[in-house]
Protein backbone atom coordinates (compact mmCIF):
# COMPACT_ATOMS: atom_id res chain seq x y z
CA UNK A 1 84.22 90.53 106.53
CA UNK A 2 81.40 92.58 105.01
CA UNK A 3 80.77 92.75 101.28
CA UNK A 4 81.42 96.50 101.42
CA UNK A 5 84.86 95.94 102.98
CA UNK A 6 85.66 93.26 100.37
CA UNK A 7 84.65 95.69 97.59
CA UNK A 8 86.99 98.33 99.05
CA UNK A 9 89.83 95.81 99.23
CA UNK A 10 89.21 94.81 95.60
CA UNK A 11 89.19 98.48 94.56
CA UNK A 12 92.43 99.20 96.41
CA UNK A 13 94.04 96.10 94.94
CA UNK A 14 93.41 97.65 91.51
CA UNK A 15 95.01 100.91 92.67
CA UNK A 16 98.09 99.10 93.98
CA UNK A 17 98.30 97.02 90.81
CA UNK A 18 98.34 100.21 88.74
CA UNK A 19 101.07 101.68 90.95
CA UNK A 20 103.19 98.53 90.67
CA UNK A 21 104.40 99.70 87.24
CA UNK A 22 107.57 101.80 87.76
CA UNK A 23 106.62 104.41 85.15
CA UNK A 24 103.13 104.84 86.58
CA UNK A 25 104.59 105.15 90.05
CA UNK A 26 107.04 107.81 88.78
CA UNK A 27 104.19 109.76 87.22
CA UNK A 28 102.02 109.49 90.30
CA UNK A 29 104.82 110.46 92.71
CA UNK A 30 105.78 113.38 90.48
CA UNK A 31 102.23 114.68 90.40
CA UNK A 32 101.61 114.01 94.09
CA UNK A 33 104.73 115.93 95.10
CA UNK A 34 104.72 118.69 92.50
CA UNK A 35 103.40 121.33 94.81
CA UNK A 36 105.65 120.84 97.81
CA UNK A 37 107.05 124.15 99.09
CA UNK A 38 110.22 125.09 97.27
CA UNK A 39 109.73 122.57 94.47
CA UNK A 40 110.49 123.87 90.99
CA UNK A 41 108.17 122.07 88.65
CA UNK A 42 106.24 122.28 85.41
CA UNK A 43 102.97 123.03 87.12
CA UNK A 44 100.50 125.84 86.72
CA UNK A 45 98.63 127.72 89.45
CA UNK A 46 95.96 125.07 89.98
CA UNK A 47 98.48 122.27 90.64
CA UNK A 48 98.33 120.56 87.28
CA UNK A 49 101.06 119.27 84.98
CA UNK A 50 100.89 118.64 81.27
CA UNK A 51 101.46 115.26 79.63
CA UNK A 52 104.19 116.57 77.31
CA UNK A 53 106.03 118.22 80.22
CA UNK A 54 105.88 115.01 82.24
CA UNK A 55 107.23 113.09 79.27
CA UNK A 56 110.23 115.41 78.97
CA UNK A 57 110.89 115.59 82.70
CA UNK A 58 110.63 111.85 83.39
CA UNK A 59 112.22 110.81 80.09
CA UNK A 60 109.28 108.63 79.11
CA UNK A 61 107.74 108.79 75.63
CA UNK A 62 104.61 110.94 75.30
CA UNK A 63 102.46 108.04 74.11
CA UNK A 64 103.71 105.94 77.03
CA UNK A 65 102.92 108.73 79.50
CA UNK A 66 99.45 109.06 77.99
CA UNK A 67 98.88 105.31 78.34
CA UNK A 68 99.98 105.32 81.98
CA UNK A 69 97.88 108.38 82.80
CA UNK A 70 94.87 106.62 81.29
CA UNK A 71 95.47 103.67 83.63
CA UNK A 72 95.96 105.93 86.67
CA UNK A 73 92.72 107.70 85.76
CA UNK A 74 90.93 104.36 85.40
CA UNK A 75 91.70 103.47 89.02
CA UNK A 76 90.78 106.97 90.22
CA UNK A 77 94.23 108.27 91.18
CA UNK A 78 94.37 111.03 88.58
CA UNK A 79 92.03 113.48 86.93
CA UNK A 80 92.68 115.15 83.60
CA UNK A 81 91.16 117.56 81.13
CA UNK A 82 92.00 118.94 77.73
CA UNK A 83 93.20 122.56 77.71
CA UNK A 84 93.62 123.58 74.11
CA UNK A 85 96.17 121.23 72.59
CA UNK A 86 97.44 120.03 75.96
CA UNK A 87 96.11 117.54 78.47
CA UNK A 88 96.36 118.74 82.07
CA UNK A 89 96.47 116.12 84.83
CA UNK A 90 96.50 116.16 88.62
CA UNK A 91 96.21 113.80 91.57
CA UNK A 92 92.66 113.36 92.87
CA UNK A 93 92.78 114.57 96.49
CA UNK A 94 89.71 112.51 97.43
CA UNK A 95 91.45 109.29 96.37
CA UNK A 96 94.48 110.28 98.47
CA UNK A 97 92.15 110.67 101.47
CA UNK A 98 90.66 107.23 100.76
CA UNK A 99 94.12 105.68 100.61
CA UNK A 100 95.08 107.34 103.89
CA UNK A 101 91.87 106.13 105.54
CA UNK A 102 92.42 102.62 104.19
CA UNK A 103 95.77 102.37 105.92
CA UNK A 104 94.55 103.95 109.14
CA UNK A 105 91.74 101.39 109.36
């Protein structure tokens, strides 16, 4: 197996490790599905959700949500930015494509 393929496997192992935490998985699934047709969600026009809104919706403390979002960002699943006093976050579509391609092999 090539070194490049091994590097990809190591990178994806980190992604799967991050998603193995139930709260992180809840956050990721919520953000990944927030824009499905007919879904009522706490999302603005550019498909983002705010940390405080996620905390309330998923019944997870705000500091815990922030910690999990930091970990999901570290492995490249989420992006975020400060908007005034709020932190907006969204799923990185490029990482979703990489995950899909990984499983398609």
